[in-house]
């Protein structure tokens, strides 16, 4: 994911402990899997709360990053 992001000129992505991701889906399975990728979708504010919003301006960036990653993983 980091390589895809850097190769697209979108900057570095650093890993975080998924058990510290609050109510993110990954938090619920983090102890049961060896590795997982999260945060491929929308970005916004107040994640996983009733006040959550999505910043649609960032959607093209997220799509590009995810597409390159998925393409590379399938090769």
PDB file of N, CA and C in Angstrom:
ATOM      1  N   UNK A   1       0.838  -1.190   0.000  1.00  0.00           N
ATOM      2  CA  UNK A   1       0.000   0.000   0.000  1.00  0.00           C
ATOM      3  C   UNK A   1       0.875   1.242   0.000  1.00  0.00           C
ATOM      4  N   UNK A   2       1.901   1.224   0.835  1.00  0.00           N
ATOM      5  CA  UNK A   2       2.806   2.363   0.889  1.00  0.00           C
ATOM      6  C   UNK A   2       3.514   2.563  -0.448  1.00  0.00           C
ATOM      7  N   UNK A   3       3.987   1.480  -1.062  1.00  0.00           N
ATOM      8  CA  UNK A   3       4.658   1.587  -2.365  1.00  0.00           C
ATOM      9  C   UNK A   3       3.718   2.167  -3.417  1.00  0.00           C
ATOM     10  N   UNK A   4       2.483   1.700  -3.448  1.00  0.00           N
ATOM     11  CA  UNK A   4       1.507   2.205  -4.419  1.00  0.00           C
ATOM     12  C   UNK A   4       1.272   3.692  -4.199  1.00  0.00           C
ATOM     13  N   UNK A   5       1.124   4.094  -2.961  1.00  0.00           N
ATOM     14  CA  UNK A   5       0.876   5.492  -2.646  1.00  0.00           C
ATOM     15  C   UNK A   5       2.060   6.362  -3.054  1.00  0.00           C
ATOM     16  N   UNK A   6       3.256   5.930  -2.711  1.00  0.00           N
ATOM     17  CA  UNK A   6       4.447   6.705  -3.069  1.00  0.00           C
ATOM     18  C   UNK A   6       4.642   6.745  -4.579  1.00  0.00           C
ATOM     19  N   UNK A   7       4.450   5.616  -5.260  1.00  0.00           N
ATOM     20  CA  UNK A   7       4.625   5.575  -6.710  1.00  0.00           C
ATOM     21  C   UNK A   7       3.646   6.502  -7.437  1.00  0.00           C
ATOM     22  N   UNK A   8       2.482   6.730  -6.865  1.00  0.00           N
ATOM     23  CA  UNK A   8       1.505   7.638  -7.449  1.00  0.00           C
ATOM     24  C   UNK A   8       1.749   9.098  -7.051  1.00  0.00           C
ATOM     25  N   UNK A   9       2.776   9.319  -6.231  1.00  0.00           N
ATOM     26  CA  UNK A   9       3.063  10.675  -5.770  1.00  0.00           C
ATOM     27  C   UNK A   9       2.105  11.158  -4.697  1.00  0.00           C
ATOM     28  N   UNK A  10       1.485  10.211  -3.996  1.00  0.00           N
ATOM     29  CA  UNK A  10       0.480  10.563  -2.999  1.00  0.00           C
ATOM     30  C   UNK A  10       1.025  10.572  -1.572  1.00  0.00           C
ATOM     31  N   UNK A  11       2.308  10.340  -1.431  1.00  0.00           N
ATOM     32  CA  UNK A  11       2.915  10.372  -0.103  1.00  0.00           C
ATOM     33  C   UNK A  11       2.970   9.011   0.552  1.00  0.00           C
ATOM     34  N   UNK A  12       3.654   8.992   1.670  1.00  0.00           N
ATOM     35  CA  UNK A  12       3.880   7.761   2.412  1.00  0.00           C
ATOM     36  C   UNK A  12       2.690   7.428   3.311  1.00  0.00           C
ATOM     37  N   UNK A  13       2.457   6.138   3.456  1.00  0.00           N
ATOM     38  CA  UNK A  13       1.445   5.636   4.379  1.00  0.00           C
ATOM     39  C   UNK A  13       2.181   4.817   5.429  1.00  0.00           C
ATOM     40  N   UNK A  14       1.921   5.097   6.666  1.00  0.00           N
ATOM     41  CA  UNK A  14       2.579   4.347   7.734  1.00  0.00           C
ATOM     42  C   UNK A  14       1.583   3.401   8.405  1.00  0.00           C
ATOM     43  N   UNK A  15       2.041   2.227   8.769  1.00  0.00           N
ATOM     44  CA  UNK A  15       1.141   1.275   9.422  1.00  0.00           C
ATOM     45  C   UNK A  15       0.766   1.741  10.831  1.00  0.00           C
ATOM     46  N   UNK A  16      -0.410   1.338  11.245  1.00  0.00           N
ATOM     47  CA  UNK A  16      -0.875   1.621  12.604  1.00  0.00           C
ATOM     48  C   UNK A  16      -1.390   0.323  13.212  1.00  0.00           C
ATOM     49  N   UNK A  17      -1.464   0.289  14.502  1.00  0.00           N
ATOM     50  CA  UNK A  17      -1.986  -0.880  15.193  1.00  0.00           C
ATOM     51  C   UNK A  17      -3.502  -0.933  14.986  1.00  0.00           C
ATOM     52  N   UNK A  18      -4.007  -1.960  14.297  1.00  0.00           N
ATOM     53  CA  UNK A  18      -5.449  -2.011  14.026  1.00  0.00           C
ATOM     54  C   UNK A  18      -6.301  -2.129  15.282  1.00  0.00           C
ATOM     55  N   UNK A  19      -5.708  -2.588  16.360  1.00  0.00           N
ATOM     56  CA  UNK A  19      -6.474  -2.697  17.609  1.00  0.00           C
ATOM     57  C   UNK A  19      -6.754  -1.319  18.204  1.00  0.00           C
ATOM     58  N   UNK A  20      -6.075  -0.292  17.687  1.00  0.00           N
ATOM     59  CA  UNK A  20      -6.271   1.076  18.175  1.00  0.00           C
ATOM     60  C   UNK A  20      -7.104   1.897  17.202  1.00  0.00           C
ATOM     61  N   UNK A  21      -7.829   1.242  16.308  1.00  0.00           N
ATOM     62  CA  UNK A  21      -8.576   1.946  15.261  1.00  0.00           C
ATOM     63  C   UNK A  21     -10.017   2.240  15.656  1.00  0.00           C
ATOM     64  N   UNK A  22     -10.306   2.235  16.923  1.00  0.00           N
ATOM     65  CA  UNK A  22     -11.656   2.566  17.374  1.00  0.00           C
ATOM     66  C   UNK A  22     -12.689   1.574  16.897  1.00  0.00           C
ATOM     67  N   UNK A  23     -13.750   2.071  16.260  1.00  0.00           N
ATOM     68  CA  UNK A  23     -14.849   1.214  15.816  1.00  0.00           C
ATOM     69  C   UNK A  23     -14.682   0.759  14.368  1.00  0.00           C
ATOM     70  N   UNK A  24     -13.479   0.893  13.822  1.00  0.00           N
ATOM     71  CA  UNK A  24     -13.238   0.444  12.452  1.00  0.00           C
ATOM     72  C   UNK A  24     -13.438  -1.062  12.364  1.00  0.00           C
ATOM     73  N   UNK A  25     -13.879  -1.524  11.205  1.00  0.00           N
ATOM     74  CA  UNK A  25     -14.108  -2.958  11.016  1.00  0.00           C
ATOM     75  C   UNK A  25     -12.886  -3.781  11.393  1.00  0.00           C
ATOM     76  N   UNK A  26     -11.705  -3.297  11.043  1.00  0.00           N
ATOM     77  CA  UNK A  26     -10.472  -4.039  11.299  1.00  0.00           C
ATOM     78  C   UNK A  26     -10.259  -4.285  12.792  1.00  0.00           C
ATOM     79  N   UNK A  27     -10.738  -3.390  13.620  1.00  0.00           N
ATOM     80  CA  UNK A  27     -10.550  -3.539  15.066  1.00  0.00           C
ATOM     81  C   UNK A  27     -11.196  -4.807  15.608  1.00  0.00           C
ATOM     82  N   UNK A  28     -12.274  -5.231  14.981  1.00  0.00           N
ATOM     83  CA  UNK A  28     -13.019  -6.377  15.481  1.00  0.00           C
ATOM     84  C   UNK A  28     -12.375  -7.707  15.132  1.00  0.00           C
ATOM     85  N   UNK A  29     -11.486  -7.723  14.125  1.00  0.00           N
ATOM     86  CA  UNK A  29     -10.854  -8.992  13.732  1.00  0.00           C
ATOM     87  C   UNK A  29      -9.335  -8.967  13.872  1.00  0.00           C
ATOM     88  N   UNK A  30      -8.773  -7.866  14.306  1.00  0.00           N
ATOM     89  CA  UNK A  30      -7.323  -7.693  14.350  1.00  0.00           C
ATOM     90  C   UNK A  30      -6.613  -8.792  15.137  1.00  0.00           C
ATOM     91  N   UNK A  31      -7.220  -9.274  16.190  1.00  0.00           N
ATOM     92  CA  UNK A  31      -6.588 -10.330  16.987  1.00  0.00           C
ATOM     93  C   UNK A  31      -6.692 -11.701  16.332  1.00  0.00           C
ATOM     94  N   UNK A  32      -7.520 -11.829  15.305  1.00  0.00           N
ATOM     95  CA  UNK A  32      -7.775 -13.132  14.691  1.00  0.00           C
ATOM     96  C   UNK A  32      -7.057 -13.348  13.363  1.00  0.00           C
ATOM     97  N   UNK A  33      -6.403 -12.337  12.835  1.00  0.00           N
ATOM     98  CA  UNK A  33      -5.727 -12.463  11.546  1.00  0.00           C
ATOM     99  C   UNK A  33      -4.276 -12.018  11.676  1.00  0.00           C
ATOM    100  N   UNK A  34      -3.432 -12.579  10.821  1.00  0.00           N
ATOM    101  CA  UNK A  34      -2.021 -12.219  10.862  1.00  0.00           C
ATOM    102  C   UNK A  34      -1.772 -10.848  10.234  1.00  0.00           C
ATOM    103  N   UNK A  35      -2.456 -10.597   9.098  1.00  0.00           N
ATOM    104  CA  UNK A  35      -2.299  -9.315   8.411  1.00  0.00           C
ATOM    105  C   UNK A  35      -3.627  -8.922   7.794  1.00  0.00           C
ATOM    106  N   UNK A  36      -3.812  -7.623   7.614  1.00  0.00           N
ATOM    107  CA  UNK A  36      -5.020  -7.120   6.966  1.00  0.00           C
ATOM    108  C   UNK A  36      -4.739  -5.741   6.398  1.00  0.00           C
ATOM    109  N   UNK A  37      -5.503  -5.357   5.399  1.00  0.00           N
ATOM    110  CA  UNK A  37      -5.412  -4.014   4.832  1.00  0.00           C
ATOM    111  C   UNK A  37      -6.724  -3.309   5.131  1.00  0.00           C
ATOM    112  N   UNK A  38      -6.608  -2.102   5.629  1.00  0.00           N
ATOM    113  CA  UNK A  38      -7.773  -1.312   5.985  1.00  0.00           C
ATOM    114  C   UNK A  38      -7.605   0.081   5.380  1.00  0.00           C
ATOM    115  N   UNK A  39      -8.638   0.867   5.429  1.00  0.00           N
ATOM    116  CA  UNK A  39      -8.610   2.270   5.002  1.00  0.00           C
ATOM    117  C   UNK A  39      -8.496   2.430   3.490  1.00  0.00           C
ATOM    118  N   UNK A  40      -9.116   1.532   2.734  1.00  0.00           N
ATOM    119  CA  UNK A  40      -9.132   1.666   1.283  1.00  0.00           C
ATOM    120  C   UNK A  40     -10.295   2.526   0.813  1.00  0.00           C
ATOM    121  N   UNK A  41     -11.233   2.807   1.669  1.00  0.00           N
ATOM    122  CA  UNK A  41     -12.443   3.514   1.264  1.00  0.00           C
ATOM    123  C   UNK A  41     -12.393   5.012   1.499  1.00  0.00           C
ATOM    124  N   UNK A  42     -13.544   5.566   1.751  1.00  0.00           N
ATOM    125  CA  UNK A  42     -13.699   7.013   1.923  1.00  0.00           C
ATOM    126  C   UNK A  42     -12.896   7.540   3.100  1.00  0.00           C
ATOM    127  N   UNK A  43     -12.515   8.783   2.985  1.00  0.00           N
ATOM    128  CA  UNK A  43     -11.891   9.514   4.082  1.00  0.00           C
ATOM    129  C   UNK A  43     -12.831  10.643   4.465  1.00  0.00           C
ATOM    130  N   UNK A  44     -12.796  11.019   5.714  1.00  0.00           N
ATOM    131  CA  UNK A  44     -13.653  12.104   6.166  1.00  0.00           C
ATOM    132  C   UNK A  44     -13.351  12.469   7.596  1.00  0.00           C
ATOM    133  N   UNK A  45     -14.403  12.827   8.309  1.00  0.00           N
ATOM    134  CA  UNK A  45     -14.249  13.226   9.710  1.00  0.00           C
ATOM    135  C   UNK A  45     -15.239  12.456  10.571  1.00  0.00           C
ATOM    136  N   UNK A  46     -14.925  12.382  11.839  1.00  0.00           N
ATOM    137  CA  UNK A  46     -15.780  11.732  12.849  1.00  0.00           C
ATOM    138  C   UNK A  46     -16.086  10.284  12.461  1.00  0.00           C
ATOM    139  N   UNK A  47     -15.038   9.582  12.009  1.00  0.00           N
ATOM    140  CA  UNK A  47     -15.209   8.200  11.551  1.00  0.00           C
ATOM    141  C   UNK A  47     -15.973   7.334  12.551  1.00  0.00           C
ATOM    142  N   UNK A  48     -16.869   6.546  12.012  1.00  0.00           N
ATOM    143  CA  UNK A  48     -17.619   5.546  12.769  1.00  0.00           C
ATOM    144  C   UNK A  48     -18.434   6.136  13.911  1.00  0.00           C
ATOM    145  N   UNK A  49     -18.945   7.355  13.699  1.00  0.00           N
ATOM    146  CA  UNK A  49     -19.864   7.970  14.657  1.00  0.00           C
ATOM    147  C   UNK A  49     -21.091   8.444  13.893  1.00  0.00           C
ATOM    148  N   UNK A  50     -22.099   8.890  14.597  1.00  0.00           N
ATOM    149  CA  UNK A  50     -23.297   9.416  13.931  1.00  0.00           C
ATOM    150  C   UNK A  50     -23.005  10.719  13.188  1.00  0.00           C
ATOM    151  N   UNK A  51     -21.872  11.359  13.490  1.00  0.00           N
ATOM    152  CA  UNK A  51     -21.487  12.604  12.833  1.00  0.00           C
ATOM    153  C   UNK A  51     -20.504  12.385  11.683  1.00  0.00           C
ATOM    154  N   UNK A  52     -20.305  11.141  11.282  1.00  0.00           N
ATOM    155  CA  UNK A  52     -19.338  10.832  10.237  1.00  0.00           C
ATOM    156  C   UNK A  52     -19.692  11.529   8.926  1.00  0.00           C
ATOM    157  N   UNK A  53     -18.665  12.070   8.277  1.00  0.00           N
ATOM    158  CA  UNK A  53     -18.835  12.679   6.965  1.00  0.00           C
ATOM    159  C   UNK A  53     -17.774  12.103   6.023  1.00  0.00           C
ATOM    160  N   UNK A  54     -18.037  12.192   4.732  1.00  0.00           N
ATOM    161  CA  UNK A  54     -17.092  11.730   3.718  1.00  0.00           C
ATOM    162  C   UNK A  54     -16.637  12.934   2.897  1.00  0.00           C
ATOM    163  N   UNK A  55     -15.349  13.009   2.642  1.00  0.00           N
ATOM    164  CA  UNK A  55     -14.798  14.064   1.804  1.00  0.00           C
ATOM    165  C   UNK A  55     -14.669  13.502   0.389  1.00  0.00           C
ATOM    166  N   UNK A  56     -15.655  13.780  -0.451  1.00  0.00           N
ATOM    167  CA  UNK A  56     -15.693  13.212  -1.798  1.00  0.00           C
ATOM    168  C   UNK A  56     -14.557  13.710  -2.680  1.00  0.00           C
ATOM    169  N   UNK A  57     -13.934  14.807  -2.303  1.00  0.00           N
ATOM    170  CA  UNK A  57     -12.782  15.300  -3.078  1.00  0.00           C
ATOM    171  C   UNK A  57     -11.611  14.327  -3.005  1.00  0.00           C
ATOM    172  N   UNK A  58     -11.550  13.530  -1.941  1.00  0.00           N
ATOM    173  CA  UNK A  58     -10.458  12.579  -1.768  1.00  0.00           C
ATOM    174  C   UNK A  58     -10.739  11.229  -2.420  1.00  0.00           C
ATOM    175  N   UNK A  59     -11.956  11.013  -2.895  1.00  0.00           N
ATOM    176  CA  UNK A  59     -12.321   9.716  -3.470  1.00  0.00           C
ATOM    177  C   UNK A  59     -11.450   9.326  -4.662  1.00  0.00           C
ATOM    178  N   UNK A  60     -11.147  10.219  -5.613  1.00  0.00           N
ATOM    179  CA  UNK A  60     -10.270   9.817  -6.724  1.00  0.00           C
ATOM    180  C   UNK A  60      -8.891   9.346  -6.256  1.00  0.00           C
ATOM    181  N   UNK A  61      -8.363   9.966  -5.228  1.00  0.00           N
ATOM    182  CA  UNK A  61      -7.065   9.562  -4.675  1.00  0.00           C
ATOM    183  C   UNK A  61      -7.163   8.158  -4.098  1.00  0.00           C
ATOM    184  N   UNK A  62      -8.202   7.912  -3.320  1.00  0.00           N
ATOM    185  CA  UNK A  62      -8.377   6.598  -2.714  1.00  0.00           C
ATOM    186  C   UNK A  62      -8.577   5.515  -3.781  1.00  0.00           C
ATOM    187  N   UNK A  63      -9.331   5.836  -4.819  1.00  0.00           N
ATOM    188  CA  UNK A  63      -9.577   4.871  -5.897  1.00  0.00           C
ATOM    189  C   UNK A  63      -8.273   4.530  -6.609  1.00  0.00           C
ATOM    190  N   UNK A  64      -7.466   5.520  -6.926  1.00  0.00           N
ATOM    191  CA  UNK A  64      -6.192   5.283  -7.608  1.00  0.00           C
ATOM    192  C   UNK A  64      -5.284   4.405  -6.761  1.00  0.00           C
ATOM    193  N   UNK A  65      -5.159   4.747  -5.497  1.00  0.00           N
ATOM    194  CA  UNK A  65      -4.282   3.998  -4.597  1.00  0.00           C
ATOM    195  C   UNK A  65      -4.747   2.546  -4.477  1.00  0.00           C
ATOM    196  N   UNK A  66      -6.021   2.349  -4.279  1.00  0.00           N
ATOM    197  CA  UNK A  66      -6.569   0.993  -4.150  1.00  0.00           C
ATOM    198  C   UNK A  66      -6.423   0.210  -5.455  1.00  0.00           C
ATOM    199  N   UNK A  67      -6.654   0.859  -6.584  1.00  0.00           N
ATOM    200  CA  UNK A  67      -6.567   0.178  -7.884  1.00  0.00           C
ATOM    201  C   UNK A  67      -5.145  -0.312  -8.148  1.00  0.00           C
ATOM    202  N   UNK A  68      -4.163   0.551  -7.880  1.00  0.00           N
ATOM    203  CA  UNK A  68      -2.773   0.148  -8.097  1.00  0.00           C
ATOM    204  C   UNK A  68      -2.402  -0.986  -7.154  1.00  0.00           C
ATOM    205  N   UNK A  69      -2.807  -0.881  -5.904  1.00  0.00           N
ATOM    206  CA  UNK A  69      -2.506  -1.951  -4.942  1.00  0.00           C
ATOM    207  C   UNK A  69      -3.126  -3.269  -5.370  1.00  0.00           C
ATOM    208  N   UNK A  70      -4.404  -3.261  -5.722  1.00  0.00           N
ATOM    209  CA  UNK A  70      -5.088  -4.496  -6.103  1.00  0.00           C
ATOM    210  C   UNK A  70      -4.466  -5.072  -7.365  1.00  0.00           C
ATOM    211  N   UNK A  71      -4.150  -4.234  -8.324  1.00  0.00           N
ATOM    212  CA  UNK A  71      -3.500  -4.697  -9.554  1.00  0.00           C
ATOM    213  C   UNK A  71      -2.183  -5.392  -9.222  1.00  0.00           C
ATOM    214  N   UNK A  72      -1.388  -4.777  -8.393  1.00  0.00           N
ATOM    215  CA  UNK A  72      -0.083  -5.354  -8.026  1.00  0.00           C
ATOM    216  C   UNK A  72      -0.231  -6.658  -7.264  1.00  0.00           C
ATOM    217  N   UNK A  73      -1.216  -6.737  -6.402  1.00  0.00           N
ATOM    218  CA  UNK A  73      -1.417  -7.973  -5.630  1.00  0.00           C
ATOM    219  C   UNK A  73      -1.889  -9.137  -6.512  1.00  0.00           C
ATOM    220  N   UNK A  74      -2.488  -8.833  -7.632  1.00  0.00           N
ATOM    221  CA  UNK A  74      -3.018  -9.905  -8.495  1.00  0.00           C
ATOM    222  C   UNK A  74      -2.032 -10.331  -9.573  1.00  0.00           C
ATOM    223  N   UNK A  75      -0.897  -9.677  -9.655  1.00  0.00           N
ATOM    224  CA  UNK A  75       0.092 -10.030 -10.672  1.00  0.00           C
ATOM    225  C   UNK A  75       1.031 -11.113 -10.186  1.00  0.00           C
TER     226      UNK A  75
END
